[in-house]
Protein backbone atom coordinates (compact mmCIF):
# COMPACT_ATOMS: atom_id res chain seq x y z
CA UNK A 1 -95.39 -53.67 95.56
CA UNK A 2 -98.98 -52.43 94.54
CA UNK A 3 -100.28 -53.96 98.07
CA UNK A 4 -97.72 -51.70 99.35
CA UNK A 5 -99.06 -48.64 97.55
CA UNK A 6 -102.55 -49.08 98.55
CA UNK A 7 -101.42 -49.33 102.02
CA UNK A 8 -99.82 -46.13 101.86
CA UNK A 9 -102.63 -44.33 99.93
CA UNK A 10 -105.25 -45.20 102.30
CA UNK A 11 -102.99 -44.37 105.16
CA UNK A 12 -102.32 -41.24 103.75
CA UNK A 13 -106.17 -40.93 103.58
CA UNK A 14 -106.98 -41.82 106.74
CA UNK A 15 -104.61 -38.83 108.64
CA UNK A 16 -106.38 -35.55 109.21
CA UNK A 17 -105.23 -32.55 107.16
CA UNK A 18 -105.55 -29.07 108.24
CA UNK A 19 -107.87 -27.54 105.69
CA UNK A 20 -106.32 -25.48 103.31
CA UNK A 21 -106.78 -21.85 104.52
CA UNK A 22 -104.82 -18.65 103.84
CA UNK A 23 -101.93 -17.59 106.35
CA UNK A 24 -102.88 -15.72 109.86
CA UNK A 25 -100.73 -12.80 108.52
CA UNK A 26 -102.63 -12.77 105.22
CA UNK A 27 -105.97 -13.03 106.93
CA UNK A 28 -105.02 -10.16 109.41
CA UNK A 29 -103.47 -8.13 106.74
CA UNK A 30 -106.68 -8.58 104.77
CA UNK A 31 -109.78 -7.75 107.65
CA UNK A 32 -107.13 -4.64 108.93
CA UNK A 33 -107.56 -5.88 112.69
CA UNK A 34 -106.14 -9.19 114.89
CA UNK A 35 -108.49 -11.42 116.68
CA UNK A 36 -107.06 -12.19 120.23
CA UNK A 37 -108.47 -14.49 122.36
CA UNK A 38 -108.07 -13.50 126.07
CA UNK A 39 -109.62 -14.94 128.99
CA UNK A 40 -112.05 -13.05 131.76
CA UNK A 41 -110.72 -14.50 134.85
CA UNK A 42 -107.11 -15.92 134.38
CA UNK A 43 -105.30 -12.89 136.25
CA UNK A 44 -102.53 -12.05 136.60
CA UNK A 45 -102.45 -13.58 133.02
CA UNK A 46 -105.18 -13.05 131.29
CA UNK A 47 -108.39 -10.92 132.51
CA UNK A 48 -110.87 -8.41 132.37
CA UNK A 49 -109.46 -5.37 134.08
CA UNK A 50 -112.18 -4.09 136.70
CA UNK A 51 -111.29 -0.17 136.31
CA UNK A 52 -112.32 0.04 132.48
CA UNK A 53 -112.92 -3.24 131.25
CA UNK A 54 -110.42 -4.02 129.11
CA UNK A 55 -107.93 -6.87 128.58
CA UNK A 56 -105.22 -6.86 130.70
CA UNK A 57 -102.65 -9.21 132.15
CA UNK A 58 -99.06 -10.47 131.31
CA UNK A 59 -100.25 -13.19 128.03
CA UNK A 60 -102.44 -9.97 127.29
CA UNK A 61 -99.35 -7.74 127.20
CA UNK A 62 -97.51 -10.56 125.22
CA UNK A 63 -100.11 -10.47 122.04
CA UNK A 64 -99.94 -6.61 121.84
CA UNK A 65 -96.41 -7.59 120.91
CA UNK A 66 -97.09 -9.95 118.60
CA UNK A 67 -99.65 -7.51 117.33
CA UNK A 68 -96.91 -4.87 116.63
CA UNK A 69 -95.08 -7.40 114.86
CA UNK A 70 -97.80 -8.41 112.53
CA UNK A 71 -97.94 -4.50 111.89
CA UNK A 72 -94.20 -4.55 111.08
CA UNK A 73 -94.28 -7.64 108.95
CA UNK A 74 -97.31 -6.51 106.97
CA UNK A 75 -96.03 -2.73 106.35
CA UNK A 76 -98.96 -1.46 107.15
CA UNK A 77 -99.56 1.71 109.62
CA UNK A 78 -102.00 -0.23 111.94
CA UNK A 79 -104.11 -2.73 112.72
CA UNK A 80 -107.28 -2.92 114.80
CA UNK A 81 -106.98 -5.09 117.92
CA UNK A 82 -110.28 -7.11 118.02
CA UNK A 83 -110.41 -8.81 121.55
CA UNK A 84 -112.81 -11.84 121.81
CA UNK A 85 -113.81 -13.46 125.39
CA UNK A 86 -113.14 -17.25 125.24
CA UNK A 87 -113.12 -20.12 128.34
CA UNK A 88 -111.63 -23.11 128.97
CA UNK A 89 -114.10 -25.15 127.31
CA UNK A 90 -113.76 -22.51 123.82
CA UNK A 91 -110.37 -21.78 123.65
CA UNK A 92 -108.94 -24.11 121.38
CA UNK A 93 -112.22 -24.35 119.26
CA UNK A 94 -111.47 -20.67 118.68
CA UNK A 95 -108.36 -20.59 117.45
CA UNK A 96 -108.75 -24.03 115.18
CA UNK A 97 -112.19 -22.60 113.83
CA UNK A 98 -110.56 -19.30 113.06
CA UNK A 99 -112.55 -17.40 115.43
CA UNK A 100 -108.81 -15.73 116.78
CA UNK A 101 -105.87 -15.37 114.99
CA UNK A 102 -104.03 -16.26 118.49
CA UNK A 103 -105.06 -17.10 122.06
CA UNK A 104 -103.76 -14.93 125.00
CA UNK A 105 -104.17 -16.87 128.70
CA UNK A 106 -102.89 -20.12 130.43
CA UNK A 107 -102.90 -22.58 127.87
CA UNK A 108 -100.78 -26.09 128.68
CA UNK A 109 -100.03 -27.52 125.28
CA UNK A 110 -101.14 -31.10 125.19
CA UNK A 111 -100.74 -34.07 122.21
CA UNK A 112 -103.84 -34.14 122.10
CA UNK A 113 -104.82 -30.44 121.44
CA UNK A 114 -101.97 -30.33 119.25
CA UNK A 115 -104.19 -32.43 116.92
CA UNK A 116 -105.87 -29.47 116.24
CA UNK A 117 -103.91 -26.12 116.98
CA UNK A 118 -99.94 -24.95 117.56
CA UNK A 119 -98.59 -23.70 120.36
CA UNK A 120 -95.39 -20.85 120.66
CA UNK A 121 -92.82 -21.57 122.90
CA UNK A 122 -93.53 -21.28 126.45
CA UNK A 123 -93.59 -18.05 128.41
CA UNK A 124 -94.01 -19.24 131.91
CA UNK A 125 -94.14 -21.93 133.86
CA UNK A 126 -96.66 -22.96 136.88
CA UNK A 127 -97.69 -25.81 138.83
CA UNK A 128 -101.05 -27.13 139.38
CA UNK A 129 -102.44 -27.16 143.47
CA UNK A 130 -105.02 -26.72 145.26
CA UNK A 131 -106.66 -23.51 147.45
CA UNK A 132 -108.62 -24.74 150.58
CA UNK A 133 -110.66 -23.27 153.20
CA UNK A 134 -108.04 -22.68 156.32
CA UNK A 135 -110.51 -24.19 158.72
CA UNK A 136 -111.26 -27.45 156.77
CA UNK A 137 -108.64 -28.49 155.19
CA UNK A 138 -104.38 -27.28 154.36
CA UNK A 139 -102.89 -29.96 152.86
CA UNK A 140 -104.38 -32.79 150.10
CA UNK A 141 -104.63 -35.51 152.67
CA UNK A 142 -107.42 -33.60 154.75
CA UNK A 143 -109.65 -33.80 151.56
CA UNK A 144 -110.62 -36.59 152.27
CA UNK A 145 -114.68 -37.29 151.97
CA UNK A 146 -114.72 -33.22 151.04
CA UNK A 147 -116.09 -31.24 147.47
CA UNK A 148 -113.24 -30.19 145.36
CA UNK A 149 -113.94 -27.75 142.74
CA UNK A 150 -111.92 -27.49 138.85
CA UNK A 151 -112.43 -25.62 136.05
CA UNK A 152 -113.74 -28.27 133.52
CA UNK A 153 -111.50 -28.64 130.02
CA UNK A 154 -108.41 -27.71 131.70
CA UNK A 155 -105.14 -30.09 132.38
CA UNK A 156 -106.02 -29.52 136.01
CA UNK A 157 -108.52 -32.10 135.82
CA UNK A 158 -106.62 -35.14 135.30
CA UNK A 159 -103.87 -33.58 137.50
CA UNK A 160 -106.03 -33.18 140.24
CA UNK A 161 -107.73 -36.84 139.59
CA UNK A 162 -104.23 -38.22 139.27
CA UNK A 163 -103.02 -36.77 142.43
CA UNK A 164 -105.97 -37.58 144.47
CA UNK A 165 -105.67 -41.31 143.10
CA UNK A 166 -101.85 -41.60 144.18
CA UNK A 167 -102.37 -40.27 147.42
CA UNK A 168 -105.36 -42.78 148.45
CA UNK A 169 -107.60 -39.71 148.62
CA UNK A 170 -111.12 -39.89 147.74
CA UNK A 171 -113.03 -37.09 146.88
CA UNK A 172 -115.72 -35.14 145.10
CA UNK A 173 -114.65 -33.22 142.01
CA UNK A 174 -116.88 -30.72 141.31
CA UNK A 175 -116.64 -28.93 137.86
CA UNK A 176 -117.17 -25.11 137.51
CA UNK A 177 -116.97 -23.74 133.92
CA UNK A 178 -114.06 -21.58 135.07
CA UNK A 179 -111.63 -20.83 138.02
CA UNK A 180 -113.44 -17.41 139.17
CA UNK A 181 -116.83 -19.86 139.32
CA UNK A 182 -114.94 -22.11 141.11
CA UNK A 183 -113.67 -19.55 143.95
CA UNK A 184 -117.40 -18.09 144.49
CA UNK A 185 -118.12 -21.74 145.39
CA UNK A 186 -115.36 -21.83 147.73
CA UNK A 187 -116.25 -18.41 148.90
CA UNK A 188 -119.79 -19.67 149.41
CA UNK A 189 -118.85 -22.65 151.41
CA UNK A 190 -120.35 -24.69 148.52
CA UNK A 191 -116.60 -26.62 148.23
CA UNK A 192 -113.93 -27.23 150.91
CA UNK A 193 -111.22 -26.46 147.89
CA UNK A 194 -110.64 -25.63 144.36
CA UNK A 195 -107.87 -26.85 142.05
CA UNK A 196 -106.00 -24.92 139.28
CA UNK A 197 -102.80 -23.35 138.86
CA UNK A 198 -100.40 -21.74 141.61
CA UNK A 199 -100.18 -18.16 140.42
CA UNK A 200 -103.82 -18.27 138.86
CA UNK A 201 -105.14 -19.28 141.98
CA UNK A 202 -103.42 -16.46 144.12
CA UNK A 203 -104.37 -13.94 141.02
CA UNK A 204 -107.80 -14.71 141.17
CA UNK A 205 -108.06 -14.90 145.19
CA UNK A 206 -106.69 -11.40 144.59
CA UNK A 207 -109.09 -10.23 141.79
CA UNK A 208 -111.81 -11.90 143.52
CA UNK A 209 -111.99 -10.07 146.58
CA UNK A 210 -109.48 -11.82 148.94
CA UNK A 211 -110.51 -11.96 152.33
CA UNK A 212 -109.03 -14.51 155.01
CA UNK A 213 -109.36 -17.87 156.09
CA UNK A 214 -108.25 -19.23 152.60
CA UNK A 215 -104.75 -21.41 152.11
CA UNK A 216 -102.81 -22.54 149.21
CA UNK A 217 -101.31 -25.90 149.51
CA UNK A 218 -97.76 -26.49 149.55
CA UNK A 219 -98.30 -29.57 147.73
CA UNK A 220 -97.85 -29.52 143.41
CA UNK A 221 -100.29 -31.57 141.09
CA UNK A 222 -98.37 -31.40 137.85
CA UNK A 223 -95.94 -29.03 136.02
CA UNK A 224 -98.07 -26.41 133.76
CA UNK A 225 -96.17 -24.81 131.22
CA UNK A 226 -98.08 -21.82 129.14
CA UNK A 227 -97.87 -20.89 125.28
CA UNK A 228 -99.83 -19.17 123.21
CA UNK A 229 -101.96 -21.00 120.64
CA UNK A 230 -102.11 -20.28 116.88
CA UNK A 231 -102.89 -22.09 114.13
CA UNK A 232 -102.13 -25.29 113.19
CA UNK A 233 -99.84 -25.66 110.29
CA UNK A 234 -99.21 -21.68 109.78
CA UNK A 235 -95.32 -22.13 110.37
CA UNK A 236 -94.98 -18.04 108.92
CA UNK A 237 -97.05 -16.61 112.09
CA UNK A 238 -95.80 -19.46 114.86
CA UNK A 239 -92.73 -18.14 113.78
CA UNK A 240 -93.44 -14.29 113.96
CA UNK A 241 -94.64 -15.35 117.39
CA UNK A 242 -92.09 -17.20 118.56
CA UNK A 243 -89.31 -14.11 117.46
CA UNK A 244 -91.28 -12.14 119.71
CA UNK A 245 -91.28 -14.03 122.88
CA UNK A 246 -87.68 -14.94 122.04
CA UNK A 247 -86.41 -11.43 121.76
CA UNK A 248 -88.31 -10.60 124.75
CA UNK A 249 -86.15 -13.17 126.95
CA UNK A 250 -83.24 -11.60 125.54
CA UNK A 251 -83.74 -8.64 126.51
CA UNK A 252 -84.32 -6.57 130.31
CA UNK A 253 -87.91 -6.08 128.75
CA UNK A 254 -88.55 -9.45 130.33
CA UNK A 255 -87.87 -8.48 134.00
CA UNK A 256 -90.08 -5.23 133.19
CA UNK A 257 -92.86 -6.99 132.29
CA UNK A 258 -92.34 -9.83 135.09
CA UNK A 259 -92.44 -7.03 137.59
CA UNK A 260 -95.57 -5.43 136.54
CA UNK A 261 -97.51 -8.12 136.37
CA UNK A 262 -95.78 -10.92 138.19
CA UNK A 263 -93.15 -9.53 141.35
CA UNK A 264 -96.19 -9.00 143.70
CA UNK A 265 -96.72 -13.09 143.75
CA UNK A 266 -93.03 -13.51 144.29
CA UNK A 267 -90.14 -13.76 142.66
CA UNK A 268 -89.05 -15.84 139.48
CA UNK A 269 -88.61 -19.22 140.45
CA UNK A 270 -85.31 -20.82 139.10
CA UNK A 271 -87.37 -22.64 136.94
CA UNK A 272 -88.61 -19.89 134.78
CA UNK A 273 -85.24 -18.13 134.86
CA UNK A 274 -84.16 -21.22 133.08
CA UNK A 275 -86.97 -21.22 130.89
CA UNK A 276 -86.23 -17.63 129.43
CA UNK A 277 -82.39 -18.52 129.30
CA UNK A 278 -82.88 -21.74 127.09
CA UNK A 279 -85.64 -20.24 124.77
CA UNK A 280 -83.35 -16.83 124.11
CA UNK A 281 -83.06 -18.13 120.98
CA UNK A 282 -80.32 -15.87 118.53
CA UNK A 283 -81.49 -14.71 115.06
């Protein structure tokens, strides 16, 4: 029994526990502001609008609704919205370190990420694929010996590596800081294709000036659900976020929000409709 007790104590000591911290809602109330992380380049979900330079997009709108729910929960007249621009390499750290209260872009939950942060119920389902120069490649087998750019610190990197390996396609993978930077490399002819989530590729193409000569591949590399990222271990705030999303899915507002930001890219897929139905949890 003594040996068992010692073993259990040693195991408990080895488990990394989140640091003691006041709740997210309490922090928001004290500072009178909610800090929202977003991406400047993940159109149509999270991006910096060209007309006024303000954060915009589907995920940004979701986080505005979370901010309103925080105001109601705190019973205060209002809170200031403090937007913090993040990229794939800084988004998880920003939440884990308390630099932002919630991250609002296109982050896919993974087990390794859940060691440091928590995730809301999903708000979108996408798939990773590629966009290529039409005169070079429009299908994965045609990328043999070519250069493919992908944003570092994203789940797309591993999906791309798996996809190429499974199809026995040898290609050079070039790491970019963001998807927008990768698209710039494609436009400049520095790479023959870029990898990213399908909707984000189309959105980046449209926001980035479009043009002719580019094709999004029909093949998918992986399934990519998106969630909002919150502080680990703060069940109260995560419940508030999930409640905002579930109520949205139970109402007609989700159709209006989709039409505003995503309809130009196509009607919602059966998988996305099922995602909203399955996550429209009752009160």
